């Protein structure tokens, strides 16, 4: 797969820059970006603001971002190999084709989760917060609109967890699409937005493979998806954002670093939300 992270040099070298950490509280002003977002309560805004106050240092976010990128680099060749294997249907019976497709779809779901986590860490460097209950971009608190969840839900138990997960994945793209996000110049490009949206749609479609209802439609063959273009577009954008993050850290005067330790966060975030 040409381009993207496959050809990148991600190991930090000669990083002699330092950034001054700013932790001042932002104004607790909420705004509505779309029908999906509104101000629900002061407590929710305060919760997001507290999470902003407790966020990791920018250089720690950068270090964790590099670790996630290392995982992406490791998995990328296997994703491409699995895609090619799943597309190769000649001479295979139906059960073999279906088994290969299931394995690839699981691989894709896992890979997209790493992409999403890399994006959250990137935004964290710039002080952009993404959580299941809302986002903070440029000091503006935007919380989820519970009404979108529909009537009759008490937001307890499994349903509440499902809603939080749903909004978290949605909020990642919402934050990237915010014009006040310092990374908007990269991820706000139409082609990048389109490929990220498509990747998220495939992730949603393939996350519950056993529950997929194919009685009313025939799934498209994997060969119809241009995985190479999708991944090249997204990963190239992440590489550009990496350079922008380095410039940002250099201007602030702090030294970005990739620590050998601190891999625990990779396995701690089993709910796929960055912790």
Protein backbone atom coordinates (compact mmCIF):
# COMPACT_ATOMS: atom_id res chain seq x y z
CA UNK A 1 0.00 0.00 0.00
CA UNK A 2 1.78 3.15 -1.14
CA UNK A 3 1.85 6.35 0.83
CA UNK A 4 0.42 6.99 4.27
CA UNK A 5 2.14 5.62 7.36
CA UNK A 6 3.71 2.79 5.40
CA UNK A 7 6.43 5.15 4.13
CA UNK A 8 6.66 7.36 7.18
CA UNK A 9 9.52 7.88 9.59
CA UNK A 10 7.86 8.11 12.97
CA UNK A 11 10.70 7.60 15.40
CA UNK A 12 11.37 11.00 17.00
CA UNK A 13 14.90 12.30 16.45
CA UNK A 14 16.67 15.41 17.68
CA UNK A 15 13.59 16.63 19.49
CA UNK A 16 15.09 19.54 21.43
CA UNK A 17 11.93 21.58 21.75
CA UNK A 18 9.97 22.39 24.88
CA UNK A 19 6.41 23.61 25.32
CA UNK A 20 4.95 25.61 28.20
CA UNK A 21 1.88 23.88 29.58
CA UNK A 22 -1.19 26.05 29.86
CA UNK A 23 -3.91 24.81 32.18
CA UNK A 24 -6.14 27.84 32.57
CA UNK A 25 -9.85 27.17 32.70
CA UNK A 26 -11.80 27.97 29.60
CA UNK A 27 -15.17 29.70 29.60
CA UNK A 28 -18.05 27.37 30.24
CA UNK A 29 -19.93 28.41 27.14
CA UNK A 30 -21.76 25.68 25.29
CA UNK A 31 -22.85 25.97 21.70
CA UNK A 32 -24.82 23.90 19.23
CA UNK A 33 -22.93 22.60 16.22
CA UNK A 34 -25.83 20.60 14.83
CA UNK A 35 -29.04 18.95 15.91
CA UNK A 36 -26.87 16.32 17.60
CA UNK A 37 -25.38 18.78 20.09
CA UNK A 38 -26.87 21.07 22.68
CA UNK A 39 -26.44 22.21 26.25
CA UNK A 40 -28.04 19.69 28.60
CA UNK A 41 -26.93 20.84 32.02
CA UNK A 42 -24.31 22.82 33.85
CA UNK A 43 -23.08 19.61 35.49
CA UNK A 44 -22.28 18.01 32.14
CA UNK A 45 -20.34 21.07 31.03
CA UNK A 46 -18.49 21.08 34.33
CA UNK A 47 -17.68 17.39 33.91
CA UNK A 48 -16.12 18.06 30.52
CA UNK A 49 -14.22 21.04 31.88
CA UNK A 50 -12.87 18.91 34.71
CA UNK A 51 -11.73 16.35 32.19
CA UNK A 52 -10.00 19.18 30.36
CA UNK A 53 -8.24 20.22 33.55
CA UNK A 54 -7.16 16.62 34.20
CA UNK A 55 -5.99 15.93 30.66
CA UNK A 56 -2.46 14.56 30.08
CA UNK A 57 0.41 16.89 29.27
CA UNK A 58 0.75 17.61 25.52
CA UNK A 59 4.09 15.82 25.38
CA UNK A 60 2.53 12.75 27.04
CA UNK A 61 -0.27 12.79 24.48
CA UNK A 62 2.39 12.99 21.79
CA UNK A 63 4.26 10.02 23.24
CA UNK A 64 1.10 7.95 23.34
CA UNK A 65 0.23 9.04 19.83
CA UNK A 66 3.59 7.67 18.62
CA UNK A 67 2.90 4.35 20.32
CA UNK A 68 -0.47 4.07 18.59
CA UNK A 69 1.20 4.94 15.29
CA UNK A 70 3.71 2.15 15.95
CA UNK A 71 0.77 -0.24 16.26
CA UNK A 72 -0.73 1.11 13.03
CA UNK A 73 2.57 0.60 11.22
CA UNK A 74 2.77 -2.95 12.56
CA UNK A 75 -0.77 -3.84 11.57
CA UNK A 76 -0.91 -2.09 8.19
CA UNK A 77 0.87 -4.79 6.12
CA UNK A 78 -1.30 -7.49 7.70
CA UNK A 79 -4.44 -5.51 6.95
CA UNK A 80 -3.46 -5.24 3.30
CA UNK A 81 -2.54 -8.94 3.17
CA UNK A 82 -5.86 -9.89 4.74
CA UNK A 83 -7.72 -7.65 2.29
CA UNK A 84 -6.00 -9.32 -0.67
CA UNK A 85 -6.71 -12.78 0.75
CA UNK A 86 -10.37 -11.96 1.38
CA UNK A 87 -10.80 -10.60 -2.14
CA UNK A 88 -9.28 -13.71 -3.71
CA UNK A 89 -12.42 -15.80 -4.15
CA UNK A 90 -11.43 -17.85 -7.20
CA UNK A 91 -11.42 -21.58 -6.45
CA UNK A 92 -12.90 -21.15 -2.98
CA UNK A 93 -16.24 -22.47 -1.80
CA UNK A 94 -18.78 -20.20 -0.14
CA UNK A 95 -17.78 -21.10 3.42
CA UNK A 96 -14.12 -20.28 2.72
CA UNK A 97 -15.03 -16.93 1.17
CA UNK A 98 -17.28 -16.03 4.10
CA UNK A 99 -14.66 -17.06 6.66
CA UNK A 100 -12.01 -14.89 4.98
CA UNK A 101 -14.38 -11.92 4.85
CA UNK A 102 -15.19 -12.25 8.54
CA UNK A 103 -11.51 -12.26 9.47
CA UNK A 104 -10.78 -9.21 7.33
CA UNK A 105 -13.74 -7.29 8.72
CA UNK A 106 -12.51 -7.97 12.24
CA UNK A 107 -9.06 -6.75 11.22
CA UNK A 108 -10.54 -3.60 9.72
CA UNK A 109 -12.59 -2.88 12.84
CA UNK A 110 -9.48 -3.17 15.02
CA UNK A 111 -7.45 -1.00 12.65
CA UNK A 112 -10.08 1.74 12.58
CA UNK A 113 -10.15 1.77 16.38
CA UNK A 114 -6.41 2.45 16.37
CA UNK A 115 -6.90 5.24 13.84
CA UNK A 116 -9.58 6.75 16.03
CA UNK A 117 -7.39 6.59 19.11
CA UNK A 118 -4.50 8.18 17.22
CA UNK A 119 -6.81 11.03 16.21
CA UNK A 120 -7.95 11.56 19.80
CA UNK A 121 -4.35 11.71 21.01
CA UNK A 122 -3.45 14.13 18.24
CA UNK A 123 -6.29 16.44 19.23
CA UNK A 124 -5.31 16.10 22.87
CA UNK A 125 -1.94 17.67 22.07
CA UNK A 126 -3.82 20.82 21.07
CA UNK A 127 -6.16 20.73 24.05
CA UNK A 128 -9.13 19.36 22.13
CA UNK A 129 -11.12 16.98 24.35
CA UNK A 130 -13.28 14.17 22.97
CA UNK A 131 -15.48 12.18 25.33
CA UNK A 132 -18.68 10.21 25.13
CA UNK A 133 -20.68 13.07 26.63
CA UNK A 134 -19.30 15.86 24.45
CA UNK A 135 -16.28 17.73 23.14
CA UNK A 136 -14.22 20.81 23.93
CA UNK A 137 -12.73 22.69 20.98
CA UNK A 138 -11.02 26.05 21.41
CA UNK A 139 -12.45 26.30 24.91
CA UNK A 140 -16.03 25.80 23.73
CA UNK A 141 -17.95 23.06 25.51
CA UNK A 142 -20.39 21.16 23.31
CA UNK A 143 -22.41 18.37 24.92
CA UNK A 144 -24.52 15.69 23.28
CA UNK A 145 -28.18 16.09 22.55
CA UNK A 146 -29.89 13.35 24.50
CA UNK A 147 -33.06 13.85 22.46
CA UNK A 148 -31.36 12.20 19.49
CA UNK A 149 -31.44 9.00 21.48
CA UNK A 150 -35.19 8.86 21.08
CA UNK A 151 -38.07 8.72 23.57
CA UNK A 152 -38.63 6.03 26.09
CA UNK A 153 -35.03 5.52 27.17
CA UNK A 154 -34.07 5.88 30.80
CA UNK A 155 -30.33 5.97 30.05
CA UNK A 156 -29.61 3.19 32.52
CA UNK A 157 -27.55 0.04 32.26
CA UNK A 158 -26.51 -1.34 28.92
CA UNK A 159 -28.43 1.30 27.00
CA UNK A 160 -26.53 4.14 28.66
CA UNK A 161 -23.21 2.47 27.87
CA UNK A 162 -24.28 1.99 24.25
CA UNK A 163 -25.24 5.64 23.92
CA UNK A 164 -21.92 6.81 25.38
CA UNK A 165 -20.02 4.56 22.98
CA UNK A 166 -22.11 5.75 20.03
CA UNK A 167 -21.51 9.40 20.78
CA UNK A 168 -17.83 8.90 21.47
CA UNK A 169 -17.18 7.60 17.96
CA UNK A 170 -19.40 10.28 16.51
CA UNK A 171 -17.74 13.01 18.56
CA UNK A 172 -14.30 12.15 17.20
CA UNK A 173 -15.36 13.15 13.69
CA UNK A 174 -17.40 16.08 14.99
CA UNK A 175 -14.33 17.52 16.70
CA UNK A 176 -12.23 17.08 13.57
CA UNK A 177 -14.89 18.86 11.53
CA UNK A 178 -14.93 21.87 13.85
CA UNK A 179 -13.36 24.84 12.09
CA UNK A 180 -11.81 25.99 15.37
CA UNK A 181 -9.86 22.76 15.69
CA UNK A 182 -6.17 23.43 14.89
CA UNK A 183 -6.20 20.21 12.86
CA UNK A 184 -9.16 21.29 10.71
CA UNK A 185 -6.84 22.46 7.93
CA UNK A 186 -5.87 18.82 7.47
CA UNK A 187 -8.90 16.76 8.46
CA UNK A 188 -11.42 19.29 7.20
CA UNK A 189 -10.40 18.64 3.59
CA UNK A 190 -13.34 17.12 1.69
CA UNK A 191 -11.44 14.04 0.56
CA UNK A 192 -10.15 13.33 4.08
CA UNK A 193 -13.56 13.86 5.65
CA UNK A 194 -15.15 11.59 3.06
CA UNK A 195 -12.71 8.73 3.65
CA UNK A 196 -12.90 9.04 7.43
CA UNK A 197 -16.68 9.00 7.25
CA UNK A 198 -16.64 5.98 4.98
CA UNK A 199 -14.22 4.14 7.24
CA UNK A 200 -16.43 4.85 10.25
CA UNK A 201 -19.49 3.62 8.34
CA UNK A 202 -17.72 0.36 7.49
CA UNK A 203 -16.62 0.02 11.08
CA UNK A 204 -20.23 0.42 12.21
CA UNK A 205 -21.47 -1.99 9.56
CA UNK A 206 -18.94 -4.68 10.37
CA UNK A 207 -18.64 -4.38 14.15
CA UNK A 208 -21.46 -6.87 14.84
CA UNK A 209 -20.85 -9.41 12.11
CA UNK A 210 -22.95 -12.16 13.70
CA UNK A 211 -25.96 -9.85 13.95
CA UNK A 212 -25.86 -8.60 10.36
CA UNK A 213 -29.19 -9.09 8.59
CA UNK A 214 -28.58 -9.99 4.95
CA UNK A 215 -32.08 -11.24 4.18
CA UNK A 216 -33.15 -8.03 2.45
CA UNK A 217 -29.88 -7.16 0.72
CA UNK A 218 -26.76 -8.76 -0.60
CA UNK A 219 -23.56 -7.33 0.90
CA UNK A 220 -21.21 -5.78 -1.61
CA UNK A 221 -18.14 -7.86 -2.39
CA UNK A 222 -14.97 -6.63 -0.71
CA UNK A 223 -13.43 -5.93 -4.10
CA UNK A 224 -15.79 -2.93 -4.46
CA UNK A 225 -14.10 -1.12 -1.57
CA UNK A 226 -11.00 0.85 -2.46
CA UNK A 227 -9.18 0.14 0.78
CA UNK A 228 -5.87 1.42 -0.59
CA UNK A 229 -7.28 4.87 -1.32
CA UNK A 230 -9.12 5.01 1.99
CA UNK A 231 -6.10 4.11 4.10
CA UNK A 232 -3.66 6.19 2.07
CA UNK A 233 -5.85 9.29 2.44
CA UNK A 234 -6.40 8.87 6.17
CA UNK A 235 -2.86 7.87 7.09
CA UNK A 236 -1.32 10.62 4.98
CA UNK A 237 -3.50 13.11 6.85
CA UNK A 238 -2.29 11.68 10.17
CA UNK A 239 1.29 12.05 8.99
CA UNK A 240 0.67 15.70 8.12
CA UNK A 241 -0.93 16.22 11.52
CA UNK A 242 2.13 14.66 13.16
CA UNK A 243 4.30 17.36 11.56
CA UNK A 244 1.89 20.05 12.69
CA UNK A 245 2.00 18.70 16.24
CA UNK A 246 5.80 18.85 16.23
CA UNK A 247 5.66 22.48 15.13
CA UNK A 248 3.12 23.26 17.83
CA UNK A 249 5.23 21.66 20.54
CA UNK A 250 8.35 23.44 19.29
CA UNK A 251 6.63 26.83 19.48
CA UNK A 252 5.61 26.15 23.06
CA UNK A 253 9.10 25.18 24.12
CA UNK A 254 8.54 21.66 25.45
CA UNK A 255 10.31 18.56 24.31
CA UNK A 256 8.16 15.86 22.71
CA UNK A 257 9.32 12.43 23.68
CA UNK A 258 8.57 8.80 23.00
CA UNK A 259 9.04 6.97 26.29
CA UNK A 260 9.80 3.28 26.24
CA UNK A 261 7.33 2.69 29.06
CA UNK A 262 3.64 3.65 29.34
CA UNK A 263 2.28 0.92 27.09
CA UNK A 264 -0.37 0.05 29.65
CA UNK A 265 -2.78 2.61 28.23
CA UNK A 266 -3.00 0.52 25.06
CA UNK A 267 -4.56 -2.41 26.90
CA UNK A 268 -6.39 -0.37 29.54
CA UNK A 269 -8.64 1.32 26.99
CA UNK A 270 -10.62 -1.79 26.16
CA UNK A 271 -13.75 0.30 25.60
CA UNK A 272 -11.79 2.07 22.82
CA UNK A 273 -12.15 5.44 24.51
CA UNK A 274 -8.78 7.02 25.20
CA UNK A 275 -8.04 7.13 28.92
